[in-house]
C-alpha atoms as a PDB file:
ATOM      1  CA  UNK A   1     105.927  54.116 148.268  1.00  0.00           C
ATOM      2  CA  UNK A   2     107.216  56.015 144.856  1.00  0.00           C
ATOM      3  CA  UNK A   3     104.793  55.023 142.182  1.00  0.00           C
ATOM      4  CA  UNK A   4     105.698  52.992 138.523  1.00  0.00           C
ATOM      5  CA  UNK A   5     106.427  54.829 136.048  1.00  0.00           C
ATOM      6  CA  UNK A   6     104.594  54.850 132.187  1.00  0.00           C
ATOM      7  CA  UNK A   7     108.282  53.280 131.144  1.00  0.00           C
ATOM      8  CA  UNK A   8     108.459  50.559 134.470  1.00  0.00           C
ATOM      9  CA  UNK A   9     104.740  50.038 133.485  1.00  0.00           C
ATOM     10  CA  UNK A  10     105.734  49.727 130.406  1.00  0.00           C
ATOM     11  CA  UNK A  11     108.943  47.421 130.808  1.00  0.00           C
ATOM     12  CA  UNK A  12     106.409  45.127 133.346  1.00  0.00           C
ATOM     13  CA  UNK A  13     103.732  44.560 130.747  1.00  0.00           C
ATOM     14  CA  UNK A  14     106.377  43.062 128.114  1.00  0.00           C
ATOM     15  CA  UNK A  15     108.406  41.436 130.862  1.00  0.00           C
ATOM     16  CA  UNK A  16     104.670  39.360 132.338  1.00  0.00           C
ATOM     17  CA  UNK A  17     103.777  38.608 128.081  1.00  0.00           C
ATOM     18  CA  UNK A  18     107.647  37.687 127.551  1.00  0.00           C
ATOM     19  CA  UNK A  19     107.224  34.587 130.082  1.00  0.00           C
ATOM     20  CA  UNK A  20     103.428  34.019 129.581  1.00  0.00           C
ATOM     21  CA  UNK A  21     104.462  33.610 126.401  1.00  0.00           C
ATOM     22  CA  UNK A  22     106.921  31.102 127.318  1.00  0.00           C
ATOM     23  CA  UNK A  23     104.339  29.376 129.243  1.00  0.00           C
ATOM     24  CA  UNK A  24     101.544  28.422 126.402  1.00  0.00           C
ATOM     25  CA  UNK A  25     104.658  27.689 123.884  1.00  0.00           C
ATOM     26  CA  UNK A  26     106.060  25.122 126.700  1.00  0.00           C
ATOM     27  CA  UNK A  27     102.786  23.437 128.331  1.00  0.00           C
ATOM     28  CA  UNK A  28     102.560  23.042 124.074  1.00  0.00           C
ATOM     29  CA  UNK A  29     105.772  22.308 123.538  1.00  0.00           C
ATOM     30  CA  UNK A  30     105.026  19.504 126.578  1.00  0.00           C
ATOM     31  CA  UNK A  31     101.756  18.223 124.436  1.00  0.00           C
ATOM     32  CA  UNK A  32     102.909  17.369 121.953  1.00  0.00           C
ATOM     33  CA  UNK A  33     105.545  14.865 123.103  1.00  0.00           C
ATOM     34  CA  UNK A  34     103.532  13.947 126.101  1.00  0.00           C
ATOM     35  CA  UNK A  35     103.529  10.332 123.772  1.00  0.00           C
ATOM     36  CA  UNK A  36     107.213   9.816 122.938  1.00  0.00           C
ATOM     37  CA  UNK A  37     109.233   7.607 125.493  1.00  0.00           C
ATOM     38  CA  UNK A  38     112.983   8.327 127.108  1.00  0.00           C
ATOM     39  CA  UNK A  39     114.797   6.398 128.291  1.00  0.00           C
ATOM     40  CA  UNK A  40     117.183   5.062 131.205  1.00  0.00           C
ATOM     41  CA  UNK A  41     120.041   6.787 129.344  1.00  0.00           C
ATOM     42  CA  UNK A  42     118.194   9.311 128.287  1.00  0.00           C
ATOM     43  CA  UNK A  43     116.702  10.402 132.050  1.00  0.00           C
ATOM     44  CA  UNK A  44     120.372  10.046 134.200  1.00  0.00           C
ATOM     45  CA  UNK A  45     121.438  12.389 130.997  1.00  0.00           C
ATOM     46  CA  UNK A  46     118.645  14.367 132.013  1.00  0.00           C
ATOM     47  CA  UNK A  47     119.667  14.136 135.710  1.00  0.00           C
ATOM     48  CA  UNK A  48     123.583  14.234 134.575  1.00  0.00           C
ATOM     49  CA  UNK A  49     122.754  17.762 132.770  1.00  0.00           C
ATOM     50  CA  UNK A  50     120.666  18.797 135.585  1.00  0.00           C
ATOM     51  CA  UNK A  51     123.075  18.792 138.177  1.00  0.00           C
ATOM     52  CA  UNK A  52     126.453  19.983 136.524  1.00  0.00           C
ATOM     53  CA  UNK A  53     124.614  22.941 135.206  1.00  0.00           C
ATOM     54  CA  UNK A  54     123.082  24.234 138.422  1.00  0.00           C
ATOM     55  CA  UNK A  55     126.948  23.503 140.030  1.00  0.00           C
ATOM     56  CA  UNK A  56     128.675  24.860 136.813  1.00  0.00           C
ATOM     57  CA  UNK A  57     125.723  28.054 137.769  1.00  0.00           C
ATOM     58  CA  UNK A  58     126.191  27.794 142.035  1.00  0.00           C
ATOM     59  CA  UNK A  59     129.826  27.337 141.561  1.00  0.00           C
ATOM     60  CA  UNK A  60     130.790  30.127 139.021  1.00  0.00           C
ATOM     61  CA  UNK A  61     128.037  32.446 141.569  1.00  0.00           C
ATOM     62  CA  UNK A  62     130.601  31.738 144.129  1.00  0.00           C
ATOM     63  CA  UNK A  63     133.574  32.957 142.472  1.00  0.00           C
ATOM     64  CA  UNK A  64     131.886  36.089 141.533  1.00  0.00           C
ATOM     65  CA  UNK A  65     130.692  36.792 145.192  1.00  0.00           C
ATOM     66  CA  UNK A  66     134.339  35.121 146.667  1.00  0.00           C
ATOM     67  CA  UNK A  67     135.260  37.997 144.171  1.00  0.00           C
ATOM     68  CA  UNK A  68     133.885  40.605 145.061  1.00  0.00           C
ATOM     69  CA  UNK A  69     133.737  40.683 148.283  1.00  0.00           C
ATOM     70  CA  UNK A  70     137.715  39.530 148.507  1.00  0.00           C
ATOM     71  CA  UNK A  71     138.513  42.969 145.996  1.00  0.00           C
ATOM     72  CA  UNK A  72     139.498  41.447 143.301  1.00  0.00           C
ATOM     73  CA  UNK A  73     136.664  43.386 141.356  1.00  0.00           C
END
């Protein structure tokens, strides 16, 4: 197994820092907004938005895979 160089270790450290900073930010936002109630319409909008975002993302990935396999790239 190849050892990681200085540049790779630096990149890994930066990516870990960004991930931890995003986690700290998400927890702080979650705590600040925990007292806010969301209506049924809000939950429906959240669910539909998540579903359609996943649907579009998976569809585009499938199209990229098909395009790559069929030689259109």
